[in-house]
Amino acid sequence: MKRYLPLFASAAMCAAFPVSAQEVKTYPAPSEIMASAKAGEWVAIAPSDLMVMDLAPDSKGKPRRVVIQLIPAPFSQGWVSNIRKLAAARFWDGASINRVQDNYVAQWGDATEKKALPEGLATVGPKNYITPNWPGKVWSFAGADGGRDAYAAAHGFYVGWPLAASSEGLWPIHCYGMVGVGRNLSPDTGSGDELYTVIGHAPRHLDRNIALVGRVIEGIEHMSSLPRGTGALGFYEKEEERVPILSVRLGNETKDVPAFEYLSTDSDSFAAYADARANRRDPFFNVPAGGADICNIPVPVRRKIR
């Protein structure tokens, strides 16, 4: 016959041993999971899918570079194609950051609105905000708490990008650092000559209303730390307030751009990382949250370790 120790006796025995002698389960922090991910779980980002924007040096003469990864097919490809043509035409050389709205966006383009656009830019319709055909590859869901997304029927990750979904299809999400296309009132959808990046709380209400074409993977601090504009919607009111753009080039046209890679969202390490973001159990935390907004699970991107 099995014999069981009464609960109070078990507790007394545990109390008799020092805490250090008891088995304490430890949980890695998200950063530790990233650091221990296998080399094969990281996916290289093609230089041709990068856009490198060099701003004028800061007040101390330090260079300011912003590196943007363009979103892959099948999402927003009409606008991405336009952006490639604009970069090839050196359209943004001599343009500027013209708008910095607190907890919202930083926006750049031709402040004069007089610079000629290159030929061959496509006019992309608003139906292209949503990709109706689901990608053939299974995409991994990030809803660690199993809860419904407040803005969509579902959300998850596909080839390293945060997406939302409904019966209509899939669309990219306005998380911190995402890059979108400025536009006027509908039916205008923008050509891609005016771009912005999110520098505040994720404005998910913009999803399916504006094209998302990429994300800042390095140098977001050069945008988020800029003085806020005092005009309507955060626009700079004086020319001298604008931040000059020296050049914008695709990564394969830039000699000194490093190689970047992202943690595969299909990998075991990413699954563990997403769970750790949703349920922090590392020593600082007392109560795991039990879930996470998808924008609070940023896909890890790093310079490639050589």
C-alpha atoms as a PDB file:
ATOM      1  CA  MET A   1       0.000   0.000   0.000  1.00  0.00           C
ATOM      2  CA  LYS A   2       1.268   3.442  -0.893  1.00  0.00           C
ATOM      3  CA  ARG A   3       1.567   5.832   2.016  1.00  0.00           C
ATOM      4  CA  TYR A   4       1.182   9.587   1.588  1.00  0.00           C
ATOM      5  CA  LEU A   5       2.608  12.178   3.924  1.00  0.00           C
ATOM      6  CA  PRO A   6       0.020  14.622   5.262  1.00  0.00           C
ATOM      7  CA  LEU A   7       0.190  18.043   3.632  1.00  0.00           C
ATOM      8  CA  PHE A   8       1.232  19.879   6.807  1.00  0.00           C
ATOM      9  CA  ALA A   9       4.059  17.393   7.363  1.00  0.00           C
ATOM     10  CA  SER A  10       5.291  17.867   3.788  1.00  0.00           C
ATOM     11  CA  ALA A  11       5.272  21.619   4.268  1.00  0.00           C
ATOM     12  CA  ALA A  12       7.198  21.276   7.516  1.00  0.00           C
ATOM     13  CA  MET A  13       9.849  19.140   5.851  1.00  0.00           C
ATOM     14  CA  CYS A  14      10.250  21.643   3.023  1.00  0.00           C
ATOM     15  CA  ALA A  15      10.613  24.449   5.522  1.00  0.00           C
ATOM     16  CA  ALA A  16      13.368  22.527   7.251  1.00  0.00           C
ATOM     17  CA  PHE A  17      15.571  22.742   4.160  1.00  0.00           C
ATOM     18  CA  PRO A  18      17.064  26.061   2.994  1.00  0.00           C
ATOM     19  CA  VAL A  19      15.565  27.520  -0.176  1.00  0.00           C
ATOM     20  CA  SER A  20      18.826  26.943  -2.025  1.00  0.00           C
ATOM     21  CA  ALA A  21      18.528  23.207  -1.361  1.00  0.00           C
ATOM     22  CA  GLN A  22      15.077  22.987  -2.955  1.00  0.00           C
ATOM     23  CA  GLU A  23      14.718  22.543  -6.701  1.00  0.00           C
ATOM     24  CA  VAL A  24      13.798  25.874  -8.249  1.00  0.00           C
ATOM     25  CA  LYS A  25      12.816  25.905 -11.904  1.00  0.00           C
ATOM     26  CA  THR A  26      14.294  28.767 -13.833  1.00  0.00           C
ATOM     27  CA  TYR A  27      12.981  30.231 -17.073  1.00  0.00           C
ATOM     28  CA  PRO A  28      15.074  32.013 -19.686  1.00  0.00           C
ATOM     29  CA  ALA A  29      14.343  35.613 -20.634  1.00  0.00           C
ATOM     30  CA  PRO A  30      13.398  36.326 -24.282  1.00  0.00           C
ATOM     31  CA  SER A  31      16.893  37.752 -24.872  1.00  0.00           C
ATOM     32  CA  GLU A  32      18.447  34.532 -23.585  1.00  0.00           C
ATOM     33  CA  ILE A  33      16.288  32.444 -25.899  1.00  0.00           C
ATOM     34  CA  MET A  34      17.398  34.591 -28.825  1.00  0.00           C
ATOM     35  CA  ALA A  35      21.042  34.247 -27.844  1.00  0.00           C
ATOM     36  CA  SER A  36      20.806  30.467 -27.647  1.00  0.00           C
ATOM     37  CA  ALA A  37      18.912  29.992 -30.929  1.00  0.00           C
ATOM     38  CA  LYS A  38      20.692  27.700 -33.359  1.00  0.00           C
ATOM     39  CA  ALA A  39      22.414  29.220 -36.376  1.00  0.00           C
ATOM     40  CA  GLY A  40      20.050  27.334 -38.675  1.00  0.00           C
ATOM     41  CA  GLU A  41      17.033  29.046 -37.117  1.00  0.00           C
ATOM     42  CA  TRP A  42      18.127  32.448 -38.419  1.00  0.00           C
ATOM     43  CA  VAL A  43      17.099  33.512 -41.931  1.00  0.00           C
ATOM     44  CA  ALA A  44      19.255  35.831 -44.033  1.00  0.00           C
ATOM     45  CA  ILE A  45      17.697  39.043 -45.354  1.00  0.00           C
ATOM     46  CA  ALA A  46      18.698  39.714 -48.962  1.00  0.00           C
ATOM     47  CA  PRO A  47      20.553  43.034 -49.405  1.00  0.00           C
ATOM     48  CA  SER A  48      18.169  43.854 -52.278  1.00  0.00           C
ATOM     49  CA  ASP A  49      15.308  43.774 -49.749  1.00  0.00           C
ATOM     50  CA  LEU A  50      16.924  46.496 -47.649  1.00  0.00           C
ATOM     51  CA  MET A  51      16.561  50.247 -48.058  1.00  0.00           C
ATOM     52  CA  VAL A  52      19.295  52.352 -46.458  1.00  0.00           C
ATOM     53  CA  MET A  53      18.480  55.955 -45.565  1.00  0.00           C
ATOM     54  CA  ASP A  54      21.285  58.256 -44.471  1.00  0.00           C
ATOM     55  CA  LEU A  55      20.184  61.404 -42.655  1.00  0.00           C
ATOM     56  CA  ALA A  56      22.243  64.518 -42.102  1.00  0.00           C
ATOM     57  CA  PRO A  57      24.563  64.102 -39.083  1.00  0.00           C
ATOM     58  CA  ASP A  58      23.184  65.065 -35.680  1.00  0.00           C
ATOM     59  CA  SER A  59      24.188  68.188 -33.729  1.00  0.00           C
ATOM     60  CA  LYS A  60      27.370  66.437 -32.553  1.00  0.00           C
ATOM     61  CA  GLY A  61      28.358  65.413 -36.058  1.00  0.00           C
ATOM     62  CA  LYS A  62      27.470  61.746 -35.617  1.00  0.00           C
ATOM     63  CA  PRO A  63      26.105  59.952 -38.699  1.00  0.00           C
ATOM     64  CA  ARG A  64      22.492  58.777 -38.671  1.00  0.00           C
ATOM     65  CA  ARG A  65      21.549  55.740 -40.711  1.00  0.00           C
ATOM     66  CA  VAL A  66      18.150  54.049 -40.853  1.00  0.00           C
ATOM     67  CA  VAL A  67      17.887  50.562 -42.362  1.00  0.00           C
ATOM     68  CA  ILE A  68      14.484  49.400 -43.606  1.00  0.00           C
ATOM     69  CA  GLN A  69      13.529  45.882 -44.652  1.00  0.00           C
ATOM     70  CA  LEU A  70      10.952  45.838 -47.445  1.00  0.00           C
ATOM     71  CA  ILE A  71       8.023  43.490 -46.976  1.00  0.00           C
ATOM     72  CA  PRO A  72       8.100  40.325 -49.125  1.00  0.00           C
ATOM     73  CA  ALA A  73       5.537  38.992 -51.558  1.00  0.00           C
ATOM     74  CA  PRO A  74       2.626  38.637 -51.630  1.00  0.00           C
ATOM     75  CA  PHE A  75       2.041  41.738 -49.487  1.00  0.00           C
ATOM     76  CA  SER A  76       1.905  45.346 -50.782  1.00  0.00           C
ATOM     77  CA  GLN A  77       4.003  44.522 -53.824  1.00  0.00           C
ATOM     78  CA  GLY A  78       2.616  47.305 -56.020  1.00  0.00           C
ATOM     79  CA  TRP A  79       3.872  49.905 -53.571  1.00  0.00           C
ATOM     80  CA  VAL A  80       7.129  48.047 -52.919  1.00  0.00           C
ATOM     81  CA  SER A  81       7.833  48.049 -56.654  1.00  0.00           C
ATOM     82  CA  ASN A  82       7.236  51.804 -56.735  1.00  0.00           C
ATOM     83  CA  ILE A  83       9.585  52.313 -53.785  1.00  0.00           C
ATOM     84  CA  ARG A  84      12.338  50.412 -55.553  1.00  0.00           C
ATOM     85  CA  LYS A  85      11.914  52.680 -58.581  1.00  0.00           C
ATOM     86  CA  LEU A  86      11.924  55.799 -56.394  1.00  0.00           C
ATOM     87  CA  ALA A  87      15.131  54.699 -54.683  1.00  0.00           C
ATOM     88  CA  ALA A  88      16.756  53.890 -58.034  1.00  0.00           C
ATOM     89  CA  ALA A  89      15.804  57.368 -59.279  1.00  0.00           C
ATOM     90  CA  ARG A  90      17.400  58.945 -56.162  1.00  0.00           C
ATOM     91  CA  PHE A  91      14.052  60.576 -55.466  1.00  0.00           C
ATOM     92  CA  TRP A  92      14.632  60.998 -51.716  1.00  0.00           C
ATOM     93  CA  ASP A  93      18.136  62.453 -52.015  1.00  0.00           C
ATOM     94  CA  GLY A  94      17.724  65.990 -50.710  1.00  0.00           C
ATOM     95  CA  ALA A  95      14.253  65.318 -49.302  1.00  0.00           C
ATOM     96  CA  SER A  96      13.575  65.517 -45.563  1.00  0.00           C
ATOM     97  CA  ILE A  97      11.748  64.257 -42.521  1.00  0.00           C
ATOM     98  CA  ASN A  98       8.840  66.687 -42.378  1.00  0.00           C
ATOM     99  CA  ARG A  99       6.572  65.341 -39.672  1.00  0.00           C
ATOM    100  CA  VAL A 100       7.163  63.874 -36.213  1.00  0.00           C
ATOM    101  CA  GLN A 101       3.973  63.355 -34.234  1.00  0.00           C
ATOM    102  CA  ASP A 102       4.361  62.257 -30.643  1.00  0.00           C
ATOM    103  CA  ASN A 103       3.415  58.624 -29.949  1.00  0.00           C
ATOM    104  CA  TYR A 104       2.476  58.166 -33.590  1.00  0.00           C
ATOM    105  CA  VAL A 105       4.697  58.508 -36.673  1.00  0.00           C
ATOM    106  CA  ALA A 106       7.718  60.128 -38.276  1.00  0.00           C
ATOM    107  CA  GLN A 107       7.138  60.926 -41.956  1.00  0.00           C
ATOM    108  CA  TRP A 108       9.469  61.825 -44.803  1.00  0.00           C
ATOM    109  CA  GLY A 109       9.333  62.883 -48.442  1.00  0.00           C
ATOM    110  CA  ASP A 110       9.522  65.974 -50.651  1.00  0.00           C
ATOM    111  CA  ALA A 111       8.242  68.833 -48.496  1.00  0.00           C
ATOM    112  CA  THR A 112       7.821  71.087 -51.539  1.00  0.00           C
ATOM    113  CA  GLU A 113       5.671  68.496 -53.355  1.00  0.00           C
ATOM    114  CA  LYS A 114       7.220  69.849 -56.566  1.00  0.00           C
ATOM    115  CA  LYS A 115       9.835  67.197 -57.279  1.00  0.00           C
ATOM    116  CA  ALA A 116       8.954  65.132 -60.339  1.00  0.00           C
ATOM    117  CA  LEU A 117       8.199  61.491 -59.757  1.00  0.00           C
ATOM    118  CA  PRO A 118      10.008  58.921 -61.901  1.00  0.00           C
ATOM    119  CA  GLU A 119       8.122  57.397 -64.796  1.00  0.00           C
ATOM    120  CA  GLY A 120       6.460  54.016 -64.530  1.00  0.00           C
ATOM    121  CA  LEU A 121       5.027  54.216 -61.014  1.00  0.00           C
ATOM    122  CA  ALA A 122       1.930  52.090 -60.599  1.00  0.00           C
ATOM    123  CA  THR A 123      -1.395  53.264 -59.223  1.00  0.00           C
ATOM    124  CA  VAL A 124      -2.323  50.632 -56.660  1.00  0.00           C
ATOM    125  CA  GLY A 125      -5.939  50.173 -55.598  1.00  0.00           C
ATOM    126  CA  PRO A 126      -7.144  49.977 -51.987  1.00  0.00           C
ATOM    127  CA  LYS A 127      -8.172  46.341 -52.432  1.00  0.00           C
ATOM    128  CA  ASN A 128      -4.447  45.575 -52.288  1.00  0.00           C
ATOM    129  CA  TYR A 129      -4.302  46.490 -48.597  1.00  0.00           C
ATOM    130  CA  ILE A 130      -5.521  42.906 -48.078  1.00  0.00           C
ATOM    131  CA  THR A 131      -4.000  39.778 -49.622  1.00  0.00           C
ATOM    132  CA  PRO A 132      -6.981  37.542 -50.415  1.00  0.00           C
ATOM    133  CA  ASN A 133      -5.069  34.334 -51.077  1.00  0.00           C
ATOM    134  CA  TRP A 134      -3.528  32.845 -47.982  1.00  0.00           C
ATOM    135  CA  PRO A 135       0.162  31.973 -48.372  1.00  0.00           C
ATOM    136  CA  GLY A 136       0.774  28.323 -49.141  1.00  0.00           C
ATOM    137  CA  LYS A 137       3.060  27.968 -46.135  1.00  0.00           C
ATOM    138  CA  VAL A 138       1.532  27.361 -42.724  1.00  0.00           C
ATOM    139  CA  TRP A 139       1.928  30.469 -40.609  1.00  0.00           C
ATOM    140  CA  SER A 140       2.510  30.261 -36.889  1.00  0.00           C
ATOM    141  CA  PHE A 141       0.079  31.931 -34.556  1.00  0.00           C
ATOM    142  CA  ALA A 142       1.416  34.185 -31.833  1.00  0.00           C
ATOM    143  CA  GLY A 143      -1.714  34.356 -29.687  1.00  0.00           C
ATOM    144  CA  ALA A 144      -0.054  32.647 -26.731  1.00  0.00           C
ATOM    145  CA  ASP A 145      -3.094  33.301 -24.549  1.00  0.00           C
ATOM    146  CA  GLY A 146      -5.459  31.850 -27.146  1.00  0.00           C
ATOM    147  CA  GLY A 147      -7.424  35.086 -27.088  1.00  0.00           C
ATOM    148  CA  ARG A 148      -9.014  36.938 -29.991  1.00  0.00           C
ATOM    149  CA  ASP A 149      -7.198  39.815 -31.592  1.00  0.00           C
ATOM    150  CA  ALA A 150      -9.020  43.064 -30.847  1.00  0.00           C
ATOM    151  CA  TYR A 151      -8.716  44.163 -34.478  1.00  0.00           C
ATOM    152  CA  ALA A 152      -9.088  40.914 -36.427  1.00  0.00           C
ATOM    153  CA  ALA A 153     -10.359  37.366 -36.304  1.00  0.00           C
ATOM    154  CA  ALA A 154      -6.815  36.075 -35.894  1.00  0.00           C
ATOM    155  CA  HIS A 155      -3.199  37.139 -35.884  1.00  0.00           C
ATOM    156  CA  GLY A 156       0.146  35.457 -36.343  1.00  0.00           C
ATOM    157  CA  PHE A 157       3.452  35.467 -38.172  1.00  0.00           C
ATOM    158  CA  TYR A 158       4.413  34.537 -41.708  1.00  0.00           C
ATOM    159  CA  VAL A 159       8.038  34.509 -42.932  1.00  0.00           C
ATOM    160  CA  GLY A 160       8.994  36.809 -40.079  1.00  0.00           C
ATOM    161  CA  TRP A 161       6.215  39.399 -40.361  1.00  0.00           C
ATOM    162  CA  PRO A 162       3.250  40.134 -38.056  1.00  0.00           C
ATOM    163  CA  LEU A 163      -0.068  39.667 -39.835  1.00  0.00           C
ATOM    164  CA  ALA A 164      -3.762  39.771 -39.070  1.00  0.00           C
ATOM    165  CA  ALA A 165      -6.398  37.675 -40.809  1.00  0.00           C
ATOM    166  CA  SER A 166     -10.101  37.345 -41.443  1.00  0.00           C
ATOM    167  CA  SER A 167     -12.274  35.618 -44.017  1.00  0.00           C
ATOM    168  CA  GLU A 168     -11.172  38.392 -46.421  1.00  0.00           C
ATOM    169  CA  GLY A 169      -7.504  37.409 -46.291  1.00  0.00           C
ATOM    170  CA  LEU A 170      -4.350  38.639 -44.578  1.00  0.00           C
ATOM    171  CA  TRP A 171      -2.760  42.028 -44.016  1.00  0.00           C
ATOM    172  CA  PRO A 172       0.348  43.453 -42.312  1.00  0.00           C
ATOM    173  CA  ILE A 173       0.012  45.068 -38.885  1.00  0.00           C
ATOM    174  CA  HIS A 174       0.960  48.573 -37.709  1.00  0.00           C
ATOM    175  CA  CYS A 175       3.462  47.597 -35.024  1.00  0.00           C
ATOM    176  CA  TYR A 176       6.273  49.821 -33.748  1.00  0.00           C
ATOM    177  CA  GLY A 177       8.840  50.464 -36.470  1.00  0.00           C
ATOM    178  CA  MET A 178       6.605  49.411 -39.370  1.00  0.00           C
ATOM    179  CA  VAL A 179       6.854  51.597 -42.476  1.00  0.00           C
ATOM    180  CA  GLY A 180       3.778  52.773 -44.366  1.00  0.00           C
ATOM    181  CA  VAL A 181       2.786  54.854 -47.383  1.00  0.00           C
ATOM    182  CA  GLY A 182       1.442  58.363 -46.814  1.00  0.00           C
ATOM    183  CA  ARG A 183      -1.693  59.233 -48.779  1.00  0.00           C
ATOM    184  CA  ASN A 184      -4.486  61.726 -49.187  1.00  0.00           C
ATOM    185  CA  LEU A 185      -8.172  60.936 -48.741  1.00  0.00           C
ATOM    186  CA  SER A 186      -9.479  57.756 -50.372  1.00  0.00           C
ATOM    187  CA  PRO A 187      -9.506  56.632 -53.143  1.00  0.00           C
ATOM    188  CA  ASP A 188      -5.886  57.860 -53.162  1.00  0.00           C
ATOM    189  CA  THR A 189      -3.545  55.157 -51.828  1.00  0.00           C
ATOM    190  CA  GLY A 190      -0.212  56.941 -52.253  1.00  0.00           C
ATOM    191  CA  SER A 191       2.583  56.074 -54.662  1.00  0.00           C
ATOM    192  CA  GLY A 192       5.250  55.447 -52.027  1.00  0.00           C
ATOM    193  CA  ASP A 193       7.002  58.816 -52.385  1.00  0.00           C
ATOM    194  CA  GLU A 194       5.774  59.786 -48.883  1.00  0.00           C
ATOM    195  CA  LEU A 195       6.657  57.254 -46.206  1.00  0.00           C
ATOM    196  CA  TYR A 196       6.309  57.088 -42.443  1.00  0.00           C
ATOM    197  CA  THR A 197       7.370  54.821 -39.608  1.00  0.00           C
ATOM    198  CA  VAL A 198       5.496  54.096 -36.389  1.00  0.00           C
ATOM    199  CA  ILE A 199       7.281  55.601 -33.358  1.00  0.00           C
ATOM    200  CA  GLY A 200       4.606  55.084 -30.727  1.00  0.00           C
ATOM    201  CA  HIS A 201       1.914  52.736 -29.537  1.00  0.00           C
ATOM    202  CA  ALA A 202       0.771  50.477 -32.354  1.00  0.00           C
ATOM    203  CA  PRO A 203      -1.947  52.377 -34.324  1.00  0.00           C
ATOM    204  CA  ARG A 204      -3.822  49.263 -35.376  1.00  0.00           C
ATOM    205  CA  HIS A 205      -6.807  51.327 -36.539  1.00  0.00           C
ATOM    206  CA  LEU A 206      -4.693  52.147 -39.604  1.00  0.00           C
ATOM    207  CA  ASP A 207      -4.558  48.479 -40.635  1.00  0.00           C
ATOM    208  CA  ARG A 208      -6.264  47.911 -44.012  1.00  0.00           C
ATOM    209  CA  ASN A 209      -6.498  51.686 -44.475  1.00  0.00           C
ATOM    210  CA  ILE A 210      -2.892  52.383 -45.463  1.00  0.00           C
ATOM    211  CA  ALA A 211      -0.296  50.253 -47.236  1.00  0.00           C
ATOM    212  CA  LEU A 212       2.485  48.841 -45.074  1.00  0.00           C
ATOM    213  CA  VAL A 213       5.665  48.245 -47.054  1.00  0.00           C
ATOM    214  CA  GLY A 214       8.409  47.404 -44.564  1.00  0.00           C
ATOM    215  CA  ARG A 215       9.899  47.893 -41.125  1.00  0.00           C
ATOM    216  CA  VAL A 216      12.876  49.654 -39.611  1.00  0.00           C
ATOM    217  CA  ILE A 217      15.364  47.009 -38.491  1.00  0.00           C
ATOM    218  CA  GLU A 218      18.154  49.354 -37.400  1.00  0.00           C
ATOM    219  CA  GLY A 219      18.341  53.048 -36.548  1.00  0.00           C
ATOM    220  CA  ILE A 220      14.771  53.638 -35.324  1.00  0.00           C
ATOM    221  CA  GLU A 221      16.273  55.824 -32.570  1.00  0.00           C
ATOM    222  CA  HIS A 222      17.190  58.388 -35.221  1.00  0.00           C
ATOM    223  CA  MET A 223      13.481  58.790 -35.931  1.00  0.00           C
ATOM    224  CA  SER A 224      11.874  58.333 -32.523  1.00  0.00           C
ATOM    225  CA  SER A 225      14.193  60.821 -30.784  1.00  0.00           C
ATOM    226  CA  LEU A 226      13.553  63.715 -33.178  1.00  0.00           C
ATOM    227  CA  PRO A 227      11.874  66.888 -31.874  1.00  0.00           C
ATOM    228  CA  ARG A 228       8.107  66.758 -32.229  1.00  0.00           C
ATOM    229  CA  GLY A 229       6.551  69.007 -34.821  1.00  0.00           C
ATOM    230  CA  THR A 230       4.398  71.834 -33.507  1.00  0.00           C
ATOM    231  CA  GLY A 231       2.148  72.116 -36.566  1.00  0.00           C
ATOM    232  CA  ALA A 232      -1.052  70.205 -37.211  1.00  0.00           C
ATOM    233  CA  LEU A 233      -0.495  66.430 -37.052  1.00  0.00           C
ATOM    234  CA  GLY A 234       3.095  67.003 -35.979  1.00  0.00           C
ATOM    235  CA  PHE A 235       4.332  68.645 -39.180  1.00  0.00           C
ATOM    236  CA  TYR A 236       7.341  70.928 -38.881  1.00  0.00           C
ATOM    237  CA  GLU A 237       6.323  74.518 -39.454  1.00  0.00           C
ATOM    238  CA  LYS A 238       9.728  75.877 -40.464  1.00  0.00           C
ATOM    239  CA  GLU A 239      12.125  74.637 -43.125  1.00  0.00           C
ATOM    240  CA  GLU A 240      15.058  74.652 -40.702  1.00  0.00           C
ATOM    241  CA  GLU A 241      13.222  72.189 -38.441  1.00  0.00           C
ATOM    242  CA  ARG A 242      13.158  69.500 -41.109  1.00  0.00           C
ATOM    243  CA  VAL A 243      15.787  66.783 -41.012  1.00  0.00           C
ATOM    244  CA  PRO A 244      17.617  66.539 -44.354  1.00  0.00           C
ATOM    245  CA  ILE A 245      17.940  63.175 -46.069  1.00  0.00           C
ATOM    246  CA  LEU A 246      21.326  62.762 -47.713  1.00  0.00           C
ATOM    247  CA  SER A 247      20.558  59.600 -49.647  1.00  0.00           C
ATOM    248  CA  VAL A 248      18.339  56.551 -49.909  1.00  0.00           C
ATOM    249  CA  ARG A 249      19.685  53.428 -51.593  1.00  0.00           C
ATOM    250  CA  LEU A 250      18.757  49.785 -51.815  1.00  0.00           C
ATOM    251  CA  GLY A 251      21.016  47.553 -49.779  1.00  0.00           C
ATOM    252  CA  ASN A 252      22.647  45.943 -52.813  1.00  0.00           C
ATOM    253  CA  GLU A 253      23.730  49.430 -53.921  1.00  0.00           C
ATOM    254  CA  THR A 254      25.320  50.273 -50.575  1.00  0.00           C
ATOM    255  CA  LYS A 255      28.885  49.061 -50.029  1.00  0.00           C
ATOM    256  CA  ASP A 256      29.088  49.225 -46.252  1.00  0.00           C
ATOM    257  CA  VAL A 257      25.671  47.867 -45.242  1.00  0.00           C
ATOM    258  CA  PRO A 258      26.021  44.859 -42.902  1.00  0.00           C
ATOM    259  CA  ALA A 259      24.279  41.534 -43.432  1.00  0.00           C
ATOM    260  CA  PHE A 260      21.081  41.074 -41.401  1.00  0.00           C
ATOM    261  CA  GLU A 261      19.049  38.037 -40.427  1.00  0.00           C
ATOM    262  CA  TYR A 262      15.797  37.372 -38.574  1.00  0.00           C
ATOM    263  CA  LEU A 263      14.749  34.562 -36.274  1.00  0.00           C
ATOM    264  CA  SER A 264      12.522  32.222 -38.265  1.00  0.00           C
ATOM    265  CA  THR A 265       8.966  32.449 -36.994  1.00  0.00           C
ATOM    266  CA  ASP A 266       8.574  28.744 -37.802  1.00  0.00           C
ATOM    267  CA  SER A 267      11.410  27.772 -35.478  1.00  0.00           C
ATOM    268  CA  ASP A 268      11.266  26.169 -32.041  1.00  0.00           C
ATOM    269  CA  SER A 269      13.258  29.056 -30.626  1.00  0.00           C
ATOM    270  CA  PHE A 270      10.727  31.582 -31.873  1.00  0.00           C
ATOM    271  CA  ALA A 271       7.882  29.594 -30.312  1.00  0.00           C
ATOM    272  CA  ALA A 272       9.743  29.634 -26.998  1.00  0.00           C
ATOM    273  CA  TYR A 273      10.537  33.333 -27.443  1.00  0.00           C
ATOM    274  CA  ALA A 274       6.891  34.212 -28.144  1.00  0.00           C
ATOM    275  CA  ASP A 275       5.764  32.254 -25.088  1.00  0.00           C
ATOM    276  CA  ALA A 276       8.377  34.007 -22.951  1.00  0.00           C
ATOM    277  CA  ARG A 277       7.177  37.405 -24.197  1.00  0.00           C
ATOM    278  CA  ALA A 278       3.606  36.477 -23.266  1.00  0.00           C
ATOM    279  CA  ASN A 279       4.486  34.861 -19.950  1.00  0.00           C
ATOM    280  CA  ARG A 280       7.513  36.464 -18.345  1.00  0.00           C
ATOM    281  CA  ARG A 281       8.798  34.073 -15.680  1.00  0.00           C
ATOM    282  CA  ASP A 282      12.404  35.252 -15.460  1.00  0.00           C
ATOM    283  CA  PRO A 283      13.515  36.506 -12.015  1.00  0.00           C
ATOM    284  CA  PHE A 284      12.295  40.121 -12.260  1.00  0.00           C
ATOM    285  CA  PHE A 285       8.662  39.110 -12.832  1.00  0.00           C
ATOM    286  CA  ASN A 286       6.224  37.942 -10.193  1.00  0.00           C
ATOM    287  CA  VAL A 287       3.073  37.404 -12.267  1.00  0.00           C
ATOM    288  CA  PRO A 288       3.125  36.106 -15.867  1.00  0.00           C
ATOM    289  CA  ALA A 289       0.771  38.166 -18.040  1.00  0.00           C
ATOM    290  CA  GLY A 290      -0.807  35.138 -19.670  1.00  0.00           C
ATOM    291  CA  GLY A 291      -0.818  36.703 -23.116  1.00  0.00           C
ATOM    292  CA  ALA A 292       0.672  39.362 -25.347  1.00  0.00           C
ATOM    293  CA  ASP A 293      -0.427  41.748 -28.033  1.00  0.00           C
ATOM    294  CA  ILE A 294       1.213  40.617 -31.258  1.00  0.00           C
ATOM    295  CA  CYS A 295       3.083  43.926 -31.440  1.00  0.00           C
ATOM    296  CA  ASN A 296       4.658  43.060 -28.091  1.00  0.00           C
ATOM    297  CA  ILE A 297       6.319  40.066 -29.757  1.00  0.00           C
ATOM    298  CA  PRO A 298       8.738  41.851 -32.106  1.00  0.00           C
ATOM    299  CA  VAL A 299      10.478  39.480 -34.483  1.00  0.00           C
ATOM    300  CA  PRO A 300      14.174  39.396 -33.533  1.00  0.00           C
ATOM    301  CA  VAL A 301      16.466  40.863 -36.217  1.00  0.00           C
ATOM    302  CA  ARG A 302      20.231  41.062 -35.811  1.00  0.00           C
ATOM    303  CA  ARG A 303      23.391  41.732 -37.704  1.00  0.00           C
ATOM    304  CA  LYS A 304      24.633  38.415 -39.021  1.00  0.00           C
ATOM    305  CA  ILE A 305      27.240  36.812 -36.810  1.00  0.00           C
ATOM    306  CA  ARG A 306      30.282  35.997 -38.926  1.00  0.00           C
END
